[in-house]
Amino acid sequence: MRILENEQSASDLNAPVLVASQFTLMADTRRGRRPSWSAAAPRPVAEPLVEAFSGALRELGATVETGVFGEHMEISLVNDGPVTLLIDV
């Protein structure tokens, strides 16, 4: 996707990519006060998908950093822009 300044992509800028498994969790917040994780893929399904995604990015030449699947991680970032995109595929 070309969503960065001057319609550039991370690939255009040779920018590194962070793949963090926690972002793949599917929380259903439509009912109650607690999210439901029932739609999230179980670890035996999800972990290979995250690894395959990271590998595919690397094969395309991206510099990819990953965390440890399923572990508590603290991630710090700066959102530099007017929007946050949720991409539903």
PDB file of N, CA and C in Angstrom:
ATOM      1  N   MET A   1       0.840  -1.189   0.000  1.00  0.00           N
ATOM      2  CA  MET A   1       0.000   0.000   0.000  1.00  0.00           C
ATOM      3  C   MET A   1       0.877   1.241   0.000  1.00  0.00           C
ATOM      4  N   ARG A   2       0.467   2.217  -0.758  1.00  0.00           N
ATOM      5  CA  ARG A   2       1.173   3.493  -0.764  1.00  0.00           C
ATOM      6  C   ARG A   2       0.400   4.454   0.135  1.00  0.00           C
ATOM      7  N   ILE A   3       0.783   4.504   1.408  1.00  0.00           N
ATOM      8  CA  ILE A   3       0.052   5.323   2.372  1.00  0.00           C
ATOM      9  C   ILE A   3       0.959   6.327   3.074  1.00  0.00           C
ATOM     10  N   LEU A   4       2.220   6.340   2.723  1.00  0.00           N
ATOM     11  CA  LEU A   4       3.158   7.245   3.364  1.00  0.00           C
ATOM     12  C   LEU A   4       3.264   8.535   2.560  1.00  0.00           C
ATOM     13  N   GLU A   5       4.032   9.467   3.071  1.00  0.00           N
ATOM     14  CA  GLU A   5       4.196  10.762   2.418  1.00  0.00           C
ATOM     15  C   GLU A   5       4.574  10.597   0.953  1.00  0.00           C
ATOM     16  N   ASN A   6       3.993  11.395   0.091  1.00  0.00           N
ATOM     17  CA  ASN A   6       4.224  11.360  -1.357  1.00  0.00           C
ATOM     18  C   ASN A   6       3.856  10.009  -1.962  1.00  0.00           C
ATOM     19  N   GLU A   7       2.878   9.340  -1.371  1.00  0.00           N
ATOM     20  CA  GLU A   7       2.367   8.051  -1.855  1.00  0.00           C
ATOM     21  C   GLU A   7       3.466   7.005  -1.984  1.00  0.00           C
ATOM     22  N   GLN A   8       4.354   6.947  -0.995  1.00  0.00           N
ATOM     23  CA  GLN A   8       5.418   5.956  -0.997  1.00  0.00           C
ATOM     24  C   GLN A   8       5.061   4.818  -0.056  1.00  0.00           C
ATOM     25  N   SER A   9       5.617   3.667  -0.320  1.00  0.00           N
ATOM     26  CA  SER A   9       5.428   2.500   0.540  1.00  0.00           C
ATOM     27  C   SER A   9       6.693   2.273   1.372  1.00  0.00           C
ATOM     28  N   ALA A  10       6.592   1.370   2.346  1.00  0.00           N
ATOM     29  CA  ALA A  10       7.782   0.988   3.107  1.00  0.00           C
ATOM     30  C   ALA A  10       8.853   0.452   2.165  1.00  0.00           C
ATOM     31  N   SER A  11       8.430  -0.269   1.124  1.00  0.00           N
ATOM     32  CA  SER A  11       9.371  -0.798   0.139  1.00  0.00           C
ATOM     33  C   SER A  11      10.068   0.335  -0.609  1.00  0.00           C
ATOM     34  N   ASP A  12       9.302   1.360  -1.006  1.00  0.00           N
ATOM     35  CA  ASP A  12       9.895   2.495  -1.716  1.00  0.00           C
ATOM     36  C   ASP A  12      10.967   3.178  -0.878  1.00  0.00           C
ATOM     37  N   LEU A  13      10.739   3.232   0.427  1.00  0.00           N
ATOM     38  CA  LEU A  13      11.648   3.936   1.338  1.00  0.00           C
ATOM     39  C   LEU A  13      12.710   3.017   1.936  1.00  0.00           C
ATOM     40  N   ASN A  14      12.644   1.726   1.603  1.00  0.00           N
ATOM     41  CA  ASN A  14      13.536   0.740   2.203  1.00  0.00           C
ATOM     42  C   ASN A  14      13.436   0.800   3.735  1.00  0.00           C
ATOM     43  N   ALA A  15      12.212   1.015   4.226  1.00  0.00           N
ATOM     44  CA  ALA A  15      11.962   1.130   5.663  1.00  0.00           C
ATOM     45  C   ALA A  15      11.803  -0.254   6.281  1.00  0.00           C
ATOM     46  N   PRO A  16      12.284  -0.437   7.495  1.00  0.00           N
ATOM     47  CA  PRO A  16      12.115  -1.729   8.162  1.00  0.00           C
ATOM     48  C   PRO A  16      10.658  -1.965   8.526  1.00  0.00           C
ATOM     49  N   VAL A  17      10.301  -3.224   8.729  1.00  0.00           N
ATOM     50  CA  VAL A  17       8.933  -3.625   9.057  1.00  0.00           C
ATOM     51  C   VAL A  17       8.966  -4.393  10.371  1.00  0.00           C
ATOM     52  N   LEU A  18       8.030  -4.077  11.265  1.00  0.00           N
ATOM     53  CA  LEU A  18       7.896  -4.800  12.519  1.00  0.00           C
ATOM     54  C   LEU A  18       6.677  -5.704  12.433  1.00  0.00           C
ATOM     55  N   VAL A  19       6.886  -7.006  12.627  1.00  0.00           N
ATOM     56  CA  VAL A  19       5.789  -7.971  12.648  1.00  0.00           C
ATOM     57  C   VAL A  19       5.675  -8.472  14.084  1.00  0.00           C
ATOM     58  N   ALA A  20       4.562  -8.147  14.735  1.00  0.00           N
ATOM     59  CA  ALA A  20       4.341  -8.548  16.127  1.00  0.00           C
ATOM     60  C   ALA A  20       3.081  -9.388  16.207  1.00  0.00           C
ATOM     61  N   SER A  21       3.210 -10.585  16.726  1.00  0.00           N
ATOM     62  CA  SER A  21       2.090 -11.530  16.733  1.00  0.00           C
ATOM     63  C   SER A  21       0.897 -11.041  17.531  1.00  0.00           C
ATOM     64  N   GLN A  22       1.075 -10.255  18.547  1.00  0.00           N
ATOM     65  CA  GLN A  22      -0.050  -9.784  19.337  1.00  0.00           C
ATOM     66  C   GLN A  22      -1.025  -8.972  18.497  1.00  0.00           C
ATOM     67  N   PHE A  23      -0.566  -8.342  17.455  1.00  0.00           N
ATOM     68  CA  PHE A  23      -1.450  -7.544  16.616  1.00  0.00           C
ATOM     69  C   PHE A  23      -2.386  -8.418  15.789  1.00  0.00           C
ATOM     70  N   THR A  24      -2.126  -9.713  15.742  1.00  0.00           N
ATOM     71  CA  THR A  24      -2.978 -10.588  14.951  1.00  0.00           C
ATOM     72  C   THR A  24      -4.158 -11.137  15.744  1.00  0.00           C
ATOM     73  N   LEU A  25      -4.246 -10.830  17.043  1.00  0.00           N
ATOM     74  CA  LEU A  25      -5.357 -11.319  17.851  1.00  0.00           C
ATOM     75  C   LEU A  25      -6.669 -10.696  17.398  1.00  0.00           C
ATOM     76  N   MET A  26      -7.707 -11.464  17.448  1.00  0.00           N
ATOM     77  CA  MET A  26      -9.020 -11.010  17.002  1.00  0.00           C
ATOM     78  C   MET A  26      -9.906 -10.848  18.226  1.00  0.00           C
ATOM     79  N   ALA A  27     -10.068  -9.627  18.696  1.00  0.00           N
ATOM     80  CA  ALA A  27     -10.895  -9.364  19.874  1.00  0.00           C
ATOM     81  C   ALA A  27     -12.298  -8.944  19.440  1.00  0.00           C
ATOM     82  N   ASP A  28     -13.284  -9.625  19.988  1.00  0.00           N
ATOM     83  CA  ASP A  28     -14.685  -9.264  19.747  1.00  0.00           C
ATOM     84  C   ASP A  28     -15.144  -8.449  20.952  1.00  0.00           C
ATOM     85  N   THR A  29     -15.430  -7.178  20.726  1.00  0.00           N
ATOM     86  CA  THR A  29     -15.822  -6.282  21.812  1.00  0.00           C
ATOM     87  C   THR A  29     -17.276  -5.841  21.701  1.00  0.00           C
ATOM     88  N   ARG A  30     -18.060  -6.576  20.929  1.00  0.00           N
ATOM     89  CA  ARG A  30     -19.449  -6.169  20.712  1.00  0.00           C
ATOM     90  C   ARG A  30     -20.342  -6.349  21.934  1.00  0.00           C
ATOM     91  N   ARG A  31     -20.005  -7.292  22.807  1.00  0.00           N
ATOM     92  CA  ARG A  31     -20.863  -7.534  23.966  1.00  0.00           C
ATOM     93  C   ARG A  31     -20.044  -7.517  25.253  1.00  0.00           C
ATOM     94  N   GLY A  32     -20.660  -7.036  26.306  1.00  0.00           N
ATOM     95  CA  GLY A  32     -20.038  -7.084  27.622  1.00  0.00           C
ATOM     96  C   GLY A  32     -18.898  -6.108  27.784  1.00  0.00           C
ATOM     97  N   ARG A  33     -18.184  -6.296  28.881  1.00  0.00           N
ATOM     98  CA  ARG A  33     -17.078  -5.396  29.216  1.00  0.00           C
ATOM     99  C   ARG A  33     -15.708  -6.013  28.992  1.00  0.00           C
ATOM    100  N   ARG A  34     -15.697  -7.259  28.572  1.00  0.00           N
ATOM    101  CA  ARG A  34     -14.430  -7.936  28.320  1.00  0.00           C
ATOM    102  C   ARG A  34     -14.390  -8.426  26.882  1.00  0.00           C
ATOM    103  N   PRO A  35     -13.221  -8.295  26.243  1.00  0.00           N
ATOM    104  CA  PRO A  35     -13.130  -8.807  24.867  1.00  0.00           C
ATOM    105  C   PRO A  35     -13.163 -10.328  24.848  1.00  0.00           C
ATOM    106  N   SER A  36     -13.703 -10.865  23.785  1.00  0.00           N
ATOM    107  CA  SER A  36     -13.683 -12.315  23.567  1.00  0.00           C
ATOM    108  C   SER A  36     -12.609 -12.612  22.542  1.00  0.00           C
ATOM    109  N   TRP A  37     -11.808 -13.647  22.814  1.00  0.00           N
ATOM    110  CA  TRP A  37     -10.735 -14.041  21.909  1.00  0.00           C
ATOM    111  C   TRP A  37     -11.109 -15.293  21.133  1.00  0.00           C
ATOM    112  N   SER A  38     -12.375 -15.667  21.148  1.00  0.00           N
ATOM    113  CA  SER A  38     -12.776 -16.942  20.551  1.00  0.00           C
ATOM    114  C   SER A  38     -12.552 -17.009  19.035  1.00  0.00           C
ATOM    115  N   ALA A  39     -12.482 -15.876  18.358  1.00  0.00           N
ATOM    116  CA  ALA A  39     -12.261 -15.893  16.909  1.00  0.00           C
ATOM    117  C   ALA A  39     -10.771 -15.912  16.544  1.00  0.00           C
ATOM    118  N   ALA A  40      -9.895 -15.776  17.539  1.00  0.00           N
ATOM    119  CA  ALA A  40      -8.458 -15.790  17.267  1.00  0.00           C
ATOM    120  C   ALA A  40      -8.018 -17.205  16.898  1.00  0.00           C
ATOM    121  N   ALA A  41      -7.109 -17.297  15.969  1.00  0.00           N
ATOM    122  CA  ALA A  41      -6.585 -18.610  15.577  1.00  0.00           C
ATOM    123  C   ALA A  41      -5.760 -19.191  16.721  1.00  0.00           C
ATOM    124  N   PRO A  42      -5.850 -20.492  16.946  1.00  0.00           N
ATOM    125  CA  PRO A  42      -5.011 -21.112  17.979  1.00  0.00           C
ATOM    126  C   PRO A  42      -3.541 -21.065  17.561  1.00  0.00           C
ATOM    127  N   ARG A  43      -2.663 -21.134  18.541  1.00  0.00           N
ATOM    128  CA  ARG A  43      -1.228 -21.015  18.291  1.00  0.00           C
ATOM    129  C   ARG A  43      -0.718 -21.922  17.175  1.00  0.00           C
ATOM    130  N   PRO A  44      -1.125 -23.209  17.116  1.00  0.00           N
ATOM    131  CA  PRO A  44      -0.605 -24.072  16.045  1.00  0.00           C
ATOM    132  C   PRO A  44      -0.982 -23.590  14.642  1.00  0.00           C
ATOM    133  N   VAL A  45      -2.016 -22.807  14.531  1.00  0.00           N
ATOM    134  CA  VAL A  45      -2.416 -22.246  13.233  1.00  0.00           C
ATOM    135  C   VAL A  45      -1.768 -20.877  13.027  1.00  0.00           C
ATOM    136  N   ALA A  46      -1.831 -20.030  14.056  1.00  0.00           N
ATOM    137  CA  ALA A  46      -1.389 -18.645  13.917  1.00  0.00           C
ATOM    138  C   ALA A  46       0.127 -18.488  13.804  1.00  0.00           C
ATOM    139  N   GLU A  47       0.885 -19.210  14.607  1.00  0.00           N
ATOM    140  CA  GLU A  47       2.336 -19.017  14.611  1.00  0.00           C
ATOM    141  C   GLU A  47       2.967 -19.286  13.242  1.00  0.00           C
ATOM    142  N   PRO A  48       2.627 -20.387  12.549  1.00  0.00           N
ATOM    143  CA  PRO A  48       3.193 -20.588  11.211  1.00  0.00           C
ATOM    144  C   PRO A  48       2.771 -19.505  10.205  1.00  0.00           C
ATOM    145  N   LEU A  49       1.577 -18.953  10.381  1.00  0.00           N
ATOM    146  CA  LEU A  49       1.136 -17.878   9.482  1.00  0.00           C
ATOM    147  C   LEU A  49       1.970 -16.618   9.678  1.00  0.00           C
ATOM    148  N   VAL A  50       2.246 -16.287  10.937  1.00  0.00           N
ATOM    149  CA  VAL A  50       3.073 -15.108  11.221  1.00  0.00           C
ATOM    150  C   VAL A  50       4.485 -15.329  10.676  1.00  0.00           C
ATOM    151  N   GLU A  51       5.023 -16.526  10.869  1.00  0.00           N
ATOM    152  CA  GLU A  51       6.364 -16.840  10.347  1.00  0.00           C
ATOM    153  C   GLU A  51       6.392 -16.787   8.817  1.00  0.00           C
ATOM    154  N   ALA A  52       5.349 -17.305   8.179  1.00  0.00           N
ATOM    155  CA  ALA A  52       5.284 -17.277   6.712  1.00  0.00           C
ATOM    156  C   ALA A  52       5.189 -15.842   6.199  1.00  0.00           C
ATOM    157  N   PHE A  53       4.400 -15.021   6.874  1.00  0.00           N
ATOM    158  CA  PHE A  53       4.260 -13.613   6.481  1.00  0.00           C
ATOM    159  C   PHE A  53       5.603 -12.895   6.599  1.00  0.00           C
ATOM    160  N   SER A  54       6.283 -13.089   7.731  1.00  0.00           N
ATOM    161  CA  SER A  54       7.593 -12.462   7.928  1.00  0.00           C
ATOM    162  C   SER A  54       8.583 -12.944   6.870  1.00  0.00           C
ATOM    163  N   GLY A  55       8.571 -14.247   6.588  1.00  0.00           N
ATOM    164  CA  GLY A  55       9.463 -14.806   5.569  1.00  0.00           C
ATOM    165  C   GLY A  55       9.187 -14.255   4.188  1.00  0.00           C
ATOM    166  N   ALA A  56       7.910 -14.095   3.856  1.00  0.00           N
ATOM    167  CA  ALA A  56       7.552 -13.552   2.541  1.00  0.00           C
ATOM    168  C   ALA A  56       8.045 -12.115   2.401  1.00  0.00           C
ATOM    169  N   LEU A  57       7.944 -11.328   3.473  1.00  0.00           N
ATOM    170  CA  LEU A  57       8.460  -9.958   3.421  1.00  0.00           C
ATOM    171  C   LEU A  57       9.967  -9.954   3.222  1.00  0.00           C
ATOM    172  N   ARG A  58      10.648 -10.845   3.928  1.00  0.00           N
ATOM    173  CA  ARG A  58      12.112 -10.937   3.771  1.00  0.00           C
ATOM    174  C   ARG A  58      12.500 -11.336   2.355  1.00  0.00           C
ATOM    175  N   GLU A  59      11.752 -12.273   1.768  1.00  0.00           N
ATOM    176  CA  GLU A  59      12.041 -12.694   0.392  1.00  0.00           C
ATOM    177  C   GLU A  59      11.872 -11.545  -0.592  1.00  0.00           C
ATOM    178  N   LEU A  60      11.011 -10.597  -0.251  1.00  0.00           N
ATOM    179  CA  LEU A  60      10.822  -9.412  -1.093  1.00  0.00           C
ATOM    180  C   LEU A  60      11.899  -8.358  -0.846  1.00  0.00           C
ATOM    181  N   GLY A  61      12.804  -8.642   0.092  1.00  0.00           N
ATOM    182  CA  GLY A  61      13.909  -7.723   0.353  1.00  0.00           C
ATOM    183  C   GLY A  61      13.717  -6.812   1.550  1.00  0.00           C
ATOM    184  N   ALA A  62      12.645  -6.978   2.296  1.00  0.00           N
ATOM    185  CA  ALA A  62      12.391  -6.114   3.444  1.00  0.00           C
ATOM    186  C   ALA A  62      13.259  -6.512   4.625  1.00  0.00           C
ATOM    187  N   THR A  63      13.633  -5.514   5.412  1.00  0.00           N
ATOM    188  CA  THR A  63      14.257  -5.754   6.699  1.00  0.00           C
ATOM    189  C   THR A  63      13.120  -5.949   7.689  1.00  0.00           C
ATOM    190  N   VAL A  64      13.043  -7.131   8.285  1.00  0.00           N
ATOM    191  CA  VAL A  64      11.911  -7.477   9.147  1.00  0.00           C
ATOM    192  C   VAL A  64      12.407  -7.792  10.544  1.00  0.00           C
ATOM    193  N   GLU A  65      11.797  -7.169  11.524  1.00  0.00           N
ATOM    194  CA  GLU A  65      12.049  -7.477  12.925  1.00  0.00           C
ATOM    195  C   GLU A  65      10.807  -8.158  13.475  1.00  0.00           C
ATOM    196  N   THR A  66      11.011  -9.123  14.344  1.00  0.00           N
ATOM    197  CA  THR A  66       9.893  -9.817  14.970  1.00  0.00           C
ATOM    198  C   THR A  66      10.141  -9.904  16.469  1.00  0.00           C
ATOM    199  N   GLY A  67       9.076 -10.162  17.184  1.00  0.00           N
ATOM    200  CA  GLY A  67       9.198 -10.441  18.608  1.00  0.00           C
ATOM    201  C   GLY A  67       9.180 -11.938  18.809  1.00  0.00           C
ATOM    202  N   VAL A  68       8.726 -12.359  19.981  1.00  0.00           N
ATOM    203  CA  VAL A  68       8.592 -13.772  20.302  1.00  0.00           C
ATOM    204  C   VAL A  68       7.108 -14.092  20.328  1.00  0.00           C
ATOM    205  N   PHE A  69       6.686 -15.035  19.531  1.00  0.00           N
ATOM    206  CA  PHE A  69       5.273 -15.332  19.384  1.00  0.00           C
ATOM    207  C   PHE A  69       4.632 -15.644  20.737  1.00  0.00           C
ATOM    208  N   GLY A  70       3.534 -14.972  21.029  1.00  0.00           N
ATOM    209  CA  GLY A  70       2.742 -15.241  22.219  1.00  0.00           C
ATOM    210  C   GLY A  70       3.302 -14.686  23.513  1.00  0.00           C
ATOM    211  N   GLU A  71       4.426 -14.007  23.475  1.00  0.00           N
ATOM    212  CA  GLU A  71       5.029 -13.454  24.687  1.00  0.00           C
ATOM    213  C   GLU A  71       4.574 -12.014  24.896  1.00  0.00           C
ATOM    214  N   HIS A  72       4.649 -11.583  26.126  1.00  0.00           N
ATOM    215  CA  HIS A  72       4.364 -10.185  26.455  1.00  0.00           C
ATOM    216  C   HIS A  72       5.523  -9.342  25.936  1.00  0.00           C
ATOM    217  N   MET A  73       5.209  -8.348  25.123  1.00  0.00           N
ATOM    218  CA  MET A  73       6.245  -7.475  24.583  1.00  0.00           C
ATOM    219  C   MET A  73       5.799  -6.035  24.735  1.00  0.00           C
ATOM    220  N   GLU A  74       6.741  -5.177  25.022  1.00  0.00           N
ATOM    221  CA  GLU A  74       6.475  -3.749  25.050  1.00  0.00           C
ATOM    222  C   GLU A  74       7.010  -3.165  23.755  1.00  0.00           C
ATOM    223  N   ILE A  75       6.124  -2.529  23.011  1.00  0.00           N
ATOM    224  CA  ILE A  75       6.497  -1.957  21.724  1.00  0.00           C
ATOM    225  C   ILE A  75       6.251  -0.460  21.786  1.00  0.00           C
ATOM    226  N   SER A  76       7.231   0.296  21.413  1.00  0.00           N
ATOM    227  CA  SER A  76       7.107   1.747  21.408  1.00  0.00           C
ATOM    228  C   SER A  76       7.168   2.236  19.970  1.00  0.00           C
ATOM    229  N   LEU A  77       6.251   3.118  19.619  1.00  0.00           N
ATOM    230  CA  LEU A  77       6.271   3.675  18.275  1.00  0.00           C
ATOM    231  C   LEU A  77       5.720   5.078  18.277  1.00  0.00           C
ATOM    232  N   VAL A  78       5.962   5.769  17.213  1.00  0.00           N
ATOM    233  CA  VAL A  78       5.416   7.106  17.014  1.00  0.00           C
ATOM    234  C   VAL A  78       4.562   7.055  15.764  1.00  0.00           C
ATOM    235  N   ASN A  79       3.270   7.311  15.903  1.00  0.00           N
ATOM    236  CA  ASN A  79       2.406   7.417  14.736  1.00  0.00           C
ATOM    237  C   ASN A  79       2.549   8.820  14.180  1.00  0.00           C
ATOM    238  N   ASP A  80       3.034   8.935  12.986  1.00  0.00           N
ATOM    239  CA  ASP A  80       3.258  10.233  12.358  1.00  0.00           C
ATOM    240  C   ASP A  80       2.286  10.380  11.209  1.00  0.00           C
ATOM    241  N   GLY A  81       1.097  10.794  11.535  1.00  0.00           N
ATOM    242  CA  GLY A  81       0.097  10.955  10.490  1.00  0.00           C
ATOM    243  C   GLY A  81      -1.272  11.203  11.068  1.00  0.00           C
ATOM    244  N   PRO A  82      -2.187  11.571  10.220  1.00  0.00           N
ATOM    245  CA  PRO A  82      -3.515  11.924  10.698  1.00  0.00           C
ATOM    246  C   PRO A  82      -4.477  10.756  10.846  1.00  0.00           C
ATOM    247  N   VAL A  83      -4.072   9.549  10.451  1.00  0.00           N
ATOM    248  CA  VAL A  83      -5.035   8.432  10.463  1.00  0.00           C
ATOM    249  C   VAL A  83      -4.402   7.158  10.988  1.00  0.00           C
ATOM    250  N   THR A  84      -5.260   6.264  11.440  1.00  0.00           N
ATOM    251  CA  THR A  84      -4.891   4.899  11.745  1.00  0.00           C
ATOM    252  C   THR A  84      -5.753   4.015  10.864  1.00  0.00           C
ATOM    253  N   LEU A  85      -5.157   3.071  10.162  1.00  0.00           N
ATOM    254  CA  LEU A  85      -5.888   2.200   9.244  1.00  0.00           C
ATOM    255  C   LEU A  85      -6.046   0.823   9.837  1.00  0.00           C
ATOM    256  N   LEU A  86      -7.248   0.298   9.771  1.00  0.00           N
ATOM    257  CA  LEU A  86      -7.502  -1.100  10.099  1.00  0.00           C
ATOM    258  C   LEU A  86      -7.757  -1.791   8.781  1.00  0.00           C
ATOM    259  N   ILE A  87      -6.938  -2.771   8.442  1.00  0.00           N
ATOM    260  CA  ILE A  87      -7.033  -3.430   7.157  1.00  0.00           C
ATOM    261  C   ILE A  87      -7.664  -4.800   7.386  1.00  0.00           C
ATOM    262  N   ASP A  88      -8.834  -4.999   6.838  1.00  0.00           N
ATOM    263  CA  ASP A  88      -9.556  -6.239   6.989  1.00  0.00           C
ATOM    264  C   ASP A  88      -9.443  -7.019   5.691  1.00  0.00           C
ATOM    265  N   VAL A  89      -8.775  -8.174   5.755  1.00  0.00           N
ATOM    266  CA  VAL A  89      -8.591  -8.968   4.535  1.00  0.00           C
ATOM    267  C   VAL A  89      -9.311 -10.274   4.604  1.00  0.00           C
TER     268      VAL A  89
END
